[in-house]
């Protein structure tokens, strides 16, 4: 389970890295589909927009890794408990 949670964190780092590279290439706020997708996959973006504060690129990566690790922890815990429940019913 620890390995899977680490993979969730790596996925968060990759997602934030891809958005940073894409943001350097094209202005995301002019593309409504990309902007909405970035807001969904990077949890600090809507928070920073709502409270009107800038976030450095490294804090975006750190917050994204933390968010994905927490999501992964919830998913893997539910998955593990589902497997235990199915094994108990047999």
C-alpha atoms as a PDB file:
ATOM      1  CA  UNK A   1       0.000   0.000   0.000  1.00  0.00           C
ATOM      2  CA  UNK A   2       2.901   2.341   0.754  1.00  0.00           C
ATOM      3  CA  UNK A   3       4.240   1.871  -2.754  1.00  0.00           C
ATOM      4  CA  UNK A   4       0.877   2.722  -4.327  1.00  0.00           C
ATOM      5  CA  UNK A   5       0.577   5.899  -2.273  1.00  0.00           C
ATOM      6  CA  UNK A   6       4.057   6.908  -3.430  1.00  0.00           C
ATOM      7  CA  UNK A   7       2.899   6.376  -7.000  1.00  0.00           C
ATOM      8  CA  UNK A   8      -0.083   8.658  -6.364  1.00  0.00           C
ATOM      9  CA  UNK A   9       2.356  11.324  -5.152  1.00  0.00           C
ATOM     10  CA  UNK A  10       4.498  10.895  -8.257  1.00  0.00           C
ATOM     11  CA  UNK A  11       1.387  11.262 -10.392  1.00  0.00           C
ATOM     12  CA  UNK A  12       0.652  14.565  -8.649  1.00  0.00           C
ATOM     13  CA  UNK A  13       4.197  15.765  -9.309  1.00  0.00           C
ATOM     14  CA  UNK A  14       3.961  14.796 -12.979  1.00  0.00           C
ATOM     15  CA  UNK A  15       0.587  16.517 -13.371  1.00  0.00           C
ATOM     16  CA  UNK A  16       1.831  19.765 -11.849  1.00  0.00           C
ATOM     17  CA  UNK A  17       5.023  19.609 -13.914  1.00  0.00           C
ATOM     18  CA  UNK A  18       3.059  19.151 -17.118  1.00  0.00           C
ATOM     19  CA  UNK A  19       0.806  22.104 -16.278  1.00  0.00           C
ATOM     20  CA  UNK A  20       3.826  24.299 -15.525  1.00  0.00           C
ATOM     21  CA  UNK A  21       5.473  23.439 -18.847  1.00  0.00           C
ATOM     22  CA  UNK A  22       2.210  23.971 -20.710  1.00  0.00           C
ATOM     23  CA  UNK A  23       1.642  27.298 -18.951  1.00  0.00           C
ATOM     24  CA  UNK A  24       5.043  28.473 -20.141  1.00  0.00           C
ATOM     25  CA  UNK A  25       4.192  27.498 -23.711  1.00  0.00           C
ATOM     26  CA  UNK A  26       0.680  28.962 -24.020  1.00  0.00           C
ATOM     27  CA  UNK A  27      -1.473  31.256 -21.863  1.00  0.00           C
ATOM     28  CA  UNK A  28      -3.930  28.906 -20.139  1.00  0.00           C
ATOM     29  CA  UNK A  29      -6.437  31.581 -19.138  1.00  0.00           C
ATOM     30  CA  UNK A  30      -7.235  32.162 -22.832  1.00  0.00           C
ATOM     31  CA  UNK A  31      -8.185  28.499 -23.281  1.00  0.00           C
ATOM     32  CA  UNK A  32     -11.306  27.831 -21.168  1.00  0.00           C
ATOM     33  CA  UNK A  33     -11.145  24.033 -21.500  1.00  0.00           C
ATOM     34  CA  UNK A  34      -7.504  23.848 -20.440  1.00  0.00           C
ATOM     35  CA  UNK A  35      -8.045  26.392 -17.683  1.00  0.00           C
ATOM     36  CA  UNK A  36     -10.925  24.373 -16.190  1.00  0.00           C
ATOM     37  CA  UNK A  37      -8.952  21.143 -16.465  1.00  0.00           C
ATOM     38  CA  UNK A  38      -5.993  22.765 -14.699  1.00  0.00           C
ATOM     39  CA  UNK A  39      -8.283  24.011 -11.936  1.00  0.00           C
ATOM     40  CA  UNK A  40      -9.606  20.482 -11.381  1.00  0.00           C
ATOM     41  CA  UNK A  41      -6.235  18.711 -11.375  1.00  0.00           C
ATOM     42  CA  UNK A  42      -4.289  21.308  -9.337  1.00  0.00           C
ATOM     43  CA  UNK A  43      -6.190  21.981  -6.103  1.00  0.00           C
ATOM     44  CA  UNK A  44      -4.283  25.130  -5.124  1.00  0.00           C
ATOM     45  CA  UNK A  45      -5.289  27.034  -8.271  1.00  0.00           C
ATOM     46  CA  UNK A  46      -8.948  27.655  -7.354  1.00  0.00           C
ATOM     47  CA  UNK A  47      -7.917  28.534  -3.797  1.00  0.00           C
ATOM     48  CA  UNK A  48      -5.347  31.070  -4.956  1.00  0.00           C
ATOM     49  CA  UNK A  49      -7.819  32.572  -7.428  1.00  0.00           C
ATOM     50  CA  UNK A  50     -10.569  32.841  -4.824  1.00  0.00           C
ATOM     51  CA  UNK A  51      -8.363  34.606  -2.273  1.00  0.00           C
ATOM     52  CA  UNK A  52      -6.360  36.578  -4.859  1.00  0.00           C
ATOM     53  CA  UNK A  53      -2.836  35.578  -3.933  1.00  0.00           C
ATOM     54  CA  UNK A  54       0.036  34.382  -6.074  1.00  0.00           C
ATOM     55  CA  UNK A  55       1.649  31.000  -5.534  1.00  0.00           C
ATOM     56  CA  UNK A  56       5.220  30.164  -6.490  1.00  0.00           C
ATOM     57  CA  UNK A  57       5.700  27.246  -8.859  1.00  0.00           C
ATOM     58  CA  UNK A  58       7.354  25.032  -6.240  1.00  0.00           C
ATOM     59  CA  UNK A  59       4.428  25.466  -3.824  1.00  0.00           C
ATOM     60  CA  UNK A  60       2.077  24.385  -6.593  1.00  0.00           C
ATOM     61  CA  UNK A  61       4.100  21.180  -6.978  1.00  0.00           C
ATOM     62  CA  UNK A  62       4.275  20.556  -3.235  1.00  0.00           C
ATOM     63  CA  UNK A  63       0.560  21.138  -2.714  1.00  0.00           C
ATOM     64  CA  UNK A  64      -0.294  18.960  -5.695  1.00  0.00           C
ATOM     65  CA  UNK A  65       1.841  16.089  -4.377  1.00  0.00           C
ATOM     66  CA  UNK A  66       0.217  16.400  -0.941  1.00  0.00           C
ATOM     67  CA  UNK A  67      -3.283  16.488  -2.436  1.00  0.00           C
ATOM     68  CA  UNK A  68      -2.644  13.451  -4.627  1.00  0.00           C
ATOM     69  CA  UNK A  69      -1.102  11.524  -1.716  1.00  0.00           C
ATOM     70  CA  UNK A  70      -4.197  12.223   0.398  1.00  0.00           C
ATOM     71  CA  UNK A  71      -6.476  11.154  -2.450  1.00  0.00           C
ATOM     72  CA  UNK A  72      -4.360   8.033  -2.936  1.00  0.00           C
ATOM     73  CA  UNK A  73      -4.497   7.264   0.771  1.00  0.00           C
ATOM     74  CA  UNK A  74      -8.293   7.447   0.725  1.00  0.00           C
ATOM     75  CA  UNK A  75      -8.606   5.352  -2.441  1.00  0.00           C
ATOM     76  CA  UNK A  76      -6.161   2.686  -1.287  1.00  0.00           C
ATOM     77  CA  UNK A  77      -7.757   2.474   2.151  1.00  0.00           C
ATOM     78  CA  UNK A  78     -11.197   2.001   0.603  1.00  0.00           C
ATOM     79  CA  UNK A  79      -9.776  -0.541  -1.828  1.00  0.00           C
ATOM     80  CA  UNK A  80      -8.113  -2.493   0.965  1.00  0.00           C
ATOM     81  CA  UNK A  81     -11.250  -2.491   3.125  1.00  0.00           C
ATOM     82  CA  UNK A  82     -13.347  -3.609   0.141  1.00  0.00           C
ATOM     83  CA  UNK A  83     -10.977  -6.527  -0.428  1.00  0.00           C
ATOM     84  CA  UNK A  84     -11.190  -7.505   3.243  1.00  0.00           C
ATOM     85  CA  UNK A  85     -14.984  -7.275   3.136  1.00  0.00           C
ATOM     86  CA  UNK A  86     -15.150  -9.493   0.043  1.00  0.00           C
ATOM     87  CA  UNK A  87     -12.770 -12.004   1.606  1.00  0.00           C
ATOM     88  CA  UNK A  88     -14.900 -12.133   4.785  1.00  0.00           C
ATOM     89  CA  UNK A  89     -18.035 -12.912   2.783  1.00  0.00           C
ATOM     90  CA  UNK A  90     -16.489 -15.998   1.191  1.00  0.00           C
END
